């Protein structure tokens, strides 16, 4: 509890400066370049090498998030479509039941009338 070897730093709006002695002098990356010729993509310019893996990671993460978003959207659309289809089917079944009942009622009334005529 009272160990203070790794004290917590206060949050800052800009990163902490590293000591100059820890960084070797010179550019971040040496690039073979002859004047007048284009720089090959597999031998990028100085500066573009910086944060390459981090940028790649960020891009991959974003791409994954977007892909998942698309999948979820598609799933939701499919579910809504199925729901709407079922609703329409239920309505159609209800209409069919009503029609069948009306037809059956008409038949029963006709039978009743025939019975009355035969009795009289």
C-alpha atoms as a PDB file:
ATOM      1  CA  UNK A   1       0.000   0.000   0.000  1.00  0.00           C
ATOM      2  CA  UNK A   2       2.708   2.462   1.019  1.00  0.00           C
ATOM      3  CA  UNK A   3       5.109   1.490  -1.790  1.00  0.00           C
ATOM      4  CA  UNK A   4       5.957   4.664  -3.706  1.00  0.00           C
ATOM      5  CA  UNK A   5       8.340   3.330  -6.338  1.00  0.00           C
ATOM      6  CA  UNK A   6       5.875   4.046  -9.167  1.00  0.00           C
ATOM      7  CA  UNK A   7       4.041   7.218  -8.199  1.00  0.00           C
ATOM      8  CA  UNK A   8       1.027   8.111 -10.307  1.00  0.00           C
ATOM      9  CA  UNK A   9       1.546  11.004 -12.692  1.00  0.00           C
ATOM     10  CA  UNK A  10      -0.951  13.789 -13.027  1.00  0.00           C
ATOM     11  CA  UNK A  11      -2.835  13.701 -16.356  1.00  0.00           C
ATOM     12  CA  UNK A  12      -1.410  16.137 -18.910  1.00  0.00           C
ATOM     13  CA  UNK A  13      -2.752  17.550 -22.139  1.00  0.00           C
ATOM     14  CA  UNK A  14       0.585  16.983 -23.903  1.00  0.00           C
ATOM     15  CA  UNK A  15       3.015  14.062 -23.606  1.00  0.00           C
ATOM     16  CA  UNK A  16       5.976  14.260 -21.261  1.00  0.00           C
ATOM     17  CA  UNK A  17       9.229  15.280 -22.945  1.00  0.00           C
ATOM     18  CA  UNK A  18      11.910  12.618 -23.012  1.00  0.00           C
ATOM     19  CA  UNK A  19      15.412  13.503 -21.970  1.00  0.00           C
ATOM     20  CA  UNK A  20      17.625  14.426 -24.895  1.00  0.00           C
ATOM     21  CA  UNK A  21      20.370  12.038 -23.772  1.00  0.00           C
ATOM     22  CA  UNK A  22      18.149   8.951 -24.193  1.00  0.00           C
ATOM     23  CA  UNK A  23      17.561   9.580 -27.915  1.00  0.00           C
ATOM     24  CA  UNK A  24      20.442   9.084 -30.341  1.00  0.00           C
ATOM     25  CA  UNK A  25      21.204  11.972 -32.708  1.00  0.00           C
ATOM     26  CA  UNK A  26      20.262  11.834 -36.389  1.00  0.00           C
ATOM     27  CA  UNK A  27      17.092  11.137 -38.371  1.00  0.00           C
ATOM     28  CA  UNK A  28      14.505   8.562 -37.325  1.00  0.00           C
ATOM     29  CA  UNK A  29      15.183   6.381 -40.360  1.00  0.00           C
ATOM     30  CA  UNK A  30      17.830   6.475 -43.068  1.00  0.00           C
ATOM     31  CA  UNK A  31      16.375   6.204 -46.564  1.00  0.00           C
ATOM     32  CA  UNK A  32      18.281   5.374 -49.735  1.00  0.00           C
ATOM     33  CA  UNK A  33      17.449   8.109 -52.195  1.00  0.00           C
ATOM     34  CA  UNK A  34      19.005   9.293 -55.435  1.00  0.00           C
ATOM     35  CA  UNK A  35      17.955  12.746 -56.593  1.00  0.00           C
ATOM     36  CA  UNK A  36      15.604  12.773 -59.576  1.00  0.00           C
ATOM     37  CA  UNK A  37      14.200   9.260 -58.967  1.00  0.00           C
ATOM     38  CA  UNK A  38      10.895   8.510 -57.263  1.00  0.00           C
ATOM     39  CA  UNK A  39      10.968   6.963 -53.790  1.00  0.00           C
ATOM     40  CA  UNK A  40       9.812   3.329 -53.865  1.00  0.00           C
ATOM     41  CA  UNK A  41       6.848   2.459 -51.652  1.00  0.00           C
ATOM     42  CA  UNK A  42       8.795  -0.354 -50.006  1.00  0.00           C
ATOM     43  CA  UNK A  43      11.536   2.202 -49.150  1.00  0.00           C
ATOM     44  CA  UNK A  44       9.442   5.037 -47.749  1.00  0.00           C
ATOM     45  CA  UNK A  45      10.550   8.547 -46.989  1.00  0.00           C
ATOM     46  CA  UNK A  46      11.834   9.646 -43.594  1.00  0.00           C
ATOM     47  CA  UNK A  47       8.930  10.369 -41.291  1.00  0.00           C
ATOM     48  CA  UNK A  48       6.482   8.033 -42.983  1.00  0.00           C
ATOM     49  CA  UNK A  49       8.109   5.135 -41.125  1.00  0.00           C
ATOM     50  CA  UNK A  50       7.203   6.757 -37.808  1.00  0.00           C
ATOM     51  CA  UNK A  51       4.139   5.299 -36.096  1.00  0.00           C
ATOM     52  CA  UNK A  52       3.617   2.951 -39.047  1.00  0.00           C
ATOM     53  CA  UNK A  53       2.613  -0.017 -36.896  1.00  0.00           C
ATOM     54  CA  UNK A  54       0.496   2.142 -34.620  1.00  0.00           C
ATOM     55  CA  UNK A  55      -1.283   3.683 -37.613  1.00  0.00           C
ATOM     56  CA  UNK A  56      -1.802   0.228 -39.089  1.00  0.00           C
ATOM     57  CA  UNK A  57      -3.244  -0.965 -35.793  1.00  0.00           C
ATOM     58  CA  UNK A  58      -5.587   2.033 -35.634  1.00  0.00           C
ATOM     59  CA  UNK A  59      -6.696   1.473 -39.250  1.00  0.00           C
ATOM     60  CA  UNK A  60      -7.294  -2.232 -38.636  1.00  0.00           C
ATOM     61  CA  UNK A  61      -9.268  -1.470 -35.488  1.00  0.00           C
ATOM     62  CA  UNK A  62     -11.397   1.088 -37.335  1.00  0.00           C
ATOM     63  CA  UNK A  63     -11.936  -1.297 -40.248  1.00  0.00           C
ATOM     64  CA  UNK A  64     -12.954  -4.079 -37.848  1.00  0.00           C
ATOM     65  CA  UNK A  65     -15.379  -1.764 -36.012  1.00  0.00           C
ATOM     66  CA  UNK A  66     -16.921  -0.643 -39.312  1.00  0.00           C
ATOM     67  CA  UNK A  67     -17.204  -4.254 -40.542  1.00  0.00           C
ATOM     68  CA  UNK A  68     -18.930  -5.282 -37.302  1.00  0.00           C
ATOM     69  CA  UNK A  69     -21.236  -2.260 -37.617  1.00  0.00           C
ATOM     70  CA  UNK A  70     -22.181  -3.324 -41.151  1.00  0.00           C
ATOM     71  CA  UNK A  71     -22.822  -6.895 -39.970  1.00  0.00           C
ATOM     72  CA  UNK A  72     -25.036  -5.702 -37.122  1.00  0.00           C
ATOM     73  CA  UNK A  73     -26.914  -3.370 -39.476  1.00  0.00           C
ATOM     74  CA  UNK A  74     -27.492  -6.226 -41.931  1.00  0.00           C
ATOM     75  CA  UNK A  75     -28.673  -8.526 -39.115  1.00  0.00           C
ATOM     76  CA  UNK A  76     -31.077  -5.869 -37.867  1.00  0.00           C
ATOM     77  CA  UNK A  77     -32.455  -5.299 -41.373  1.00  0.00           C
ATOM     78  CA  UNK A  78     -32.940  -9.047 -41.836  1.00  0.00           C
ATOM     79  CA  UNK A  79     -34.679  -9.374 -38.454  1.00  0.00           C
ATOM     80  CA  UNK A  80     -36.966  -6.422 -39.215  1.00  0.00           C
ATOM     81  CA  UNK A  81     -37.787  -7.877 -42.637  1.00  0.00           C
ATOM     82  CA  UNK A  82     -38.675 -11.253 -41.114  1.00  0.00           C
ATOM     83  CA  UNK A  83     -40.775  -9.539 -38.464  1.00  0.00           C
ATOM     84  CA  UNK A  84     -42.686  -7.567 -41.103  1.00  0.00           C
ATOM     85  CA  UNK A  85     -43.249 -10.715 -43.184  1.00  0.00           C
ATOM     86  CA  UNK A  86     -44.611 -12.562 -40.133  1.00  0.00           C
ATOM     87  CA  UNK A  87     -46.898  -9.630 -39.296  1.00  0.00           C
ATOM     88  CA  UNK A  88     -48.280  -9.593 -42.863  1.00  0.00           C
ATOM     89  CA  UNK A  89     -48.761 -13.368 -42.741  1.00  0.00           C
ATOM     90  CA  UNK A  90     -50.658 -13.076 -39.441  1.00  0.00           C
ATOM     91  CA  UNK A  91     -52.903 -10.377 -40.911  1.00  0.00           C
ATOM     92  CA  UNK A  92     -53.566 -12.481 -44.008  1.00  0.00           C
ATOM     93  CA  UNK A  93     -54.372 -15.513 -41.847  1.00  0.00           C
ATOM     94  CA  UNK A  94     -56.782 -13.397 -39.775  1.00  0.00           C
ATOM     95  CA  UNK A  95     -58.517 -12.172 -42.952  1.00  0.00           C
ATOM     96  CA  UNK A  96     -58.747 -15.751 -44.233  1.00  0.00           C
ATOM     97  CA  UNK A  97     -60.266 -16.908 -40.908  1.00  0.00           C
ATOM     98  CA  UNK A  98     -62.815 -14.080 -41.026  1.00  0.00           C
ATOM     99  CA  UNK A  99     -63.782 -15.010 -44.598  1.00  0.00           C
ATOM    100  CA  UNK A 100     -64.037 -18.709 -43.730  1.00  0.00           C
ATOM    101  CA  UNK A 101     -66.186 -17.910 -40.691  1.00  0.00           C
ATOM    102  CA  UNK A 102     -68.465 -15.641 -42.729  1.00  0.00           C
ATOM    103  CA  UNK A 103     -68.839 -18.394 -45.339  1.00  0.00           C
ATOM    104  CA  UNK A 104     -69.566 -21.027 -42.667  1.00  0.00           C
ATOM    105  CA  UNK A 105     -72.096 -18.697 -41.023  1.00  0.00           C
ATOM    106  CA  UNK A 106     -73.857 -18.218 -44.368  1.00  0.00           C
ATOM    107  CA  UNK A 107     -73.961 -22.015 -44.876  1.00  0.00           C
ATOM    108  CA  UNK A 108     -75.373 -22.564 -41.370  1.00  0.00           C
ATOM    109  CA  UNK A 109     -78.056 -19.917 -41.922  1.00  0.00           C
ATOM    110  CA  UNK A 110     -78.982 -21.558 -45.209  1.00  0.00           C
ATOM    111  CA  UNK A 111     -79.260 -24.960 -43.469  1.00  0.00           C
ATOM    112  CA  UNK A 112     -81.460 -23.395 -40.782  1.00  0.00           C
ATOM    113  CA  UNK A 113     -83.750 -21.911 -43.426  1.00  0.00           C
ATOM    114  CA  UNK A 114     -83.973 -25.271 -45.225  1.00  0.00           C
ATOM    115  CA  UNK A 115     -84.832 -26.983 -41.917  1.00  0.00           C
ATOM    116  CA  UNK A 116     -87.572 -24.423 -41.248  1.00  0.00           C
ATOM    117  CA  UNK A 117     -88.980 -24.914 -44.763  1.00  0.00           C
ATOM    118  CA  UNK A 118     -88.964 -28.714 -44.383  1.00  0.00           C
ATOM    119  CA  UNK A 119     -90.600 -28.482 -40.919  1.00  0.00           C
ATOM    120  CA  UNK A 120     -93.372 -26.163 -42.161  1.00  0.00           C
END
